[in-house]
Amino acid sequence: MSLFQNLDDWSFDVFALDEVAQGSPLKCIGYYLLNRHGLIRKFKIPPQTLENFLTRIEEGYCHHKNPYHNNLHATDVAQTMHYILYKTGFMNWLTELEIFAAFIAAIIHDYEHTGTTNNFHVMAGSDTALLYNDRAVLENHHVSATFR
């Protein structure tokens, strides 16, 4: 696909991907990366299950209408993860499970980000800060909400 012809370059255009993917760039790149590296086949992930997962993750990034920690940012991070693993040759030292984990981590790393900081949550006494005892509030939320 010509859209991904520059995927291995630092200058990959996530904005162009967003336009072509009609606002779902994370789902598009997530599926493409996992397929390109043979991870869908390796881990026998049903395509519909993967599509549902990526759709829900993309929706979570758009939930708070955060101007930065959004689905486009996650797309950029996923592509950057691919770039680093590919260009450094580091992926040759990792197992398929580690590569899969790296891509999933990149995809979910800011899921449902509120656009505020950990310190804001702690100082405001938010429910999220209370839930995680004021420790790595957002990071704990991103992972926990993904599993939910």
Protein backbone atom coordinates (compact mmCIF):
# COMPACT_ATOMS: atom_id res chain seq x y z
CA MET A 1 0.00 0.00 0.00
CA SER A 2 1.54 3.31 -1.05
CA LEU A 3 0.30 5.03 2.12
CA PHE A 4 2.80 3.00 4.13
CA GLN A 5 5.70 3.26 1.67
CA ASN A 6 7.49 5.71 4.02
CA LEU A 7 6.63 3.85 7.21
CA ASP A 8 10.31 3.04 7.77
CA ASP A 9 11.28 6.74 7.62
CA TRP A 10 11.51 9.26 10.43
CA SER A 11 9.50 11.65 8.26
CA PHE A 12 6.43 9.37 7.99
CA ASP A 13 3.37 11.63 7.69
CA VAL A 14 0.79 10.66 10.33
CA PHE A 15 -1.41 13.58 9.26
CA ALA A 16 -1.72 12.13 5.75
CA LEU A 17 -2.56 8.75 7.28
CA ASP A 18 -5.22 10.40 9.44
CA GLU A 19 -6.80 11.96 6.38
CA VAL A 20 -6.83 8.73 4.37
CA ALA A 21 -7.97 6.69 7.37
CA GLN A 22 -10.84 9.16 7.91
CA GLY A 23 -9.98 9.87 11.53
CA SER A 24 -8.94 6.33 12.48
CA PRO A 25 -5.17 6.38 11.97
CA LEU A 26 -4.39 4.36 15.09
CA LYS A 27 -6.58 1.45 14.04
CA CYS A 28 -5.05 1.58 10.58
CA ILE A 29 -1.41 1.65 11.66
CA GLY A 30 -1.96 -0.79 14.53
CA TYR A 31 -3.42 -3.40 12.21
CA TYR A 32 -0.77 -2.74 9.56
CA LEU A 33 2.20 -3.01 11.96
CA LEU A 34 0.97 -6.16 13.67
CA ASN A 35 0.28 -7.75 10.29
CA ARG A 36 3.56 -6.62 8.71
CA HIS A 37 5.55 -8.23 11.49
CA GLY A 38 3.51 -11.45 11.34
CA LEU A 39 2.19 -11.00 14.85
CA ILE A 40 -1.48 -11.47 14.00
CA ARG A 41 -0.70 -14.86 12.51
CA LYS A 42 1.88 -15.80 15.16
CA PHE A 43 -0.49 -15.16 18.06
CA LYS A 44 -3.60 -16.35 16.18
CA ILE A 45 -5.45 -13.09 16.75
CA PRO A 46 -8.87 -13.17 15.10
CA PRO A 47 -9.00 -10.16 12.75
CA GLN A 48 -12.41 -9.06 14.06
CA THR A 49 -11.14 -9.18 17.65
CA LEU A 50 -8.15 -7.04 16.71
CA GLU A 51 -10.36 -4.59 14.84
CA ASN A 52 -12.72 -4.32 17.82
CA PHE A 53 -9.79 -3.78 20.20
CA LEU A 54 -8.17 -1.10 18.04
CA THR A 55 -11.52 0.62 17.50
CA ARG A 56 -12.16 0.81 21.25
CA ILE A 57 -8.63 2.07 21.91
CA GLU A 58 -9.05 4.75 19.24
CA GLU A 59 -12.38 5.80 20.76
CA GLY A 60 -10.71 6.07 24.20
CA TYR A 61 -8.07 8.41 22.83
CA CYS A 62 -10.85 10.66 21.50
CA HIS A 63 -13.01 10.51 24.64
CA HIS A 64 -11.61 13.62 26.37
CA LYS A 65 -10.99 15.55 23.14
CA ASN A 66 -7.42 16.04 24.32
CA PRO A 67 -5.55 18.23 21.80
CA TYR A 68 -2.25 16.38 22.23
CA HIS A 69 -2.56 12.97 23.90
CA ASN A 70 -4.98 11.77 21.26
CA ASN A 71 -5.22 9.06 18.61
CA LEU A 72 -2.91 10.93 16.24
CA HIS A 73 -0.24 11.13 18.95
CA ALA A 74 -0.60 7.39 19.62
CA THR A 75 -0.28 6.73 15.88
CA ASP A 76 2.92 8.75 15.82
CA VAL A 77 4.30 6.86 18.82
CA ALA A 78 3.45 3.49 17.24
CA GLN A 79 5.21 4.48 14.02
CA THR A 80 8.18 5.79 16.00
CA MET A 81 8.36 2.48 17.90
CA HIS A 82 8.45 0.67 14.55
CA TYR A 83 11.11 3.08 13.24
CA ILE A 84 13.36 2.59 16.27
CA LEU A 85 13.01 -1.20 16.30
CA TYR A 86 13.56 -1.39 12.53
CA LYS A 87 16.37 1.13 12.04
CA THR A 88 18.45 0.06 15.02
CA GLY A 89 18.08 -3.63 14.26
CA PHE A 90 16.87 -4.01 17.83
CA MET A 91 13.93 -6.12 16.69
CA ASN A 92 16.45 -8.82 15.71
CA TRP A 93 17.31 -9.17 19.40
CA LEU A 94 13.70 -9.33 20.62
CA THR A 95 11.29 -12.22 20.66
CA GLU A 96 8.04 -11.94 18.76
CA LEU A 97 6.23 -11.57 22.09
CA GLU A 98 8.49 -8.65 23.06
CA ILE A 99 7.90 -6.96 19.70
CA PHE A 100 4.15 -7.48 20.09
CA ALA A 101 4.30 -6.03 23.61
CA ALA A 102 6.28 -3.01 22.38
CA PHE A 103 3.67 -2.23 19.71
CA ILE A 104 0.74 -2.71 22.08
CA ALA A 105 2.47 -0.52 24.67
CA ALA A 106 2.96 2.20 22.06
CA ILE A 107 -0.67 1.93 20.95
CA ILE A 108 -2.17 2.15 24.47
CA HIS A 109 0.40 4.32 26.25
CA ASP A 110 -1.91 7.38 26.68
CA TYR A 111 -5.32 5.68 26.43
CA GLU A 112 -8.09 7.90 27.84
CA HIS A 113 -5.63 10.66 28.75
CA THR A 114 -7.47 13.53 30.39
CA GLY A 115 -5.07 16.21 29.20
CA THR A 116 -3.96 16.96 32.74
CA THR A 117 -0.91 15.85 34.70
CA ASN A 118 -0.47 13.33 37.47
CA ASN A 119 0.21 16.22 39.84
CA PHE A 120 -3.06 17.88 38.83
CA HIS A 121 -4.97 14.70 39.72
CA VAL A 122 -3.15 14.37 43.03
CA MET A 123 -3.62 18.02 44.04
CA ALA A 124 -7.28 17.99 42.93
CA GLY A 125 -7.92 14.76 44.79
CA SER A 126 -9.51 13.24 41.69
CA ASP A 127 -11.16 9.84 41.86
CA THR A 128 -8.39 8.53 39.61
CA ALA A 129 -5.68 9.78 42.00
CA LEU A 130 -7.50 8.22 44.94
CA LEU A 131 -7.89 4.94 43.09
CA TYR A 132 -4.13 4.70 42.48
CA ASN A 133 -2.98 6.15 45.81
CA ASP A 134 -1.47 9.21 44.10
CA ARG A 135 1.14 7.03 42.36
CA ALA A 136 1.65 7.12 38.59
CA VAL A 137 -2.01 8.07 38.35
CA LEU A 138 -2.35 8.39 34.59
CA GLU A 139 0.01 5.54 33.75
CA ASN A 140 -1.97 3.19 35.99
CA HIS A 141 -5.20 4.43 34.44
CA HIS A 142 -4.01 3.91 30.85
CA VAL A 143 -3.20 0.26 31.50
CA SER A 144 -6.15 -0.49 33.74
CA ALA A 145 -8.67 1.12 31.38
CA THR A 146 -7.17 -0.79 28.46
CA PHE A 147 -7.67 -4.10 30.22
CA ARG A 148 -11.24 -3.12 31.11
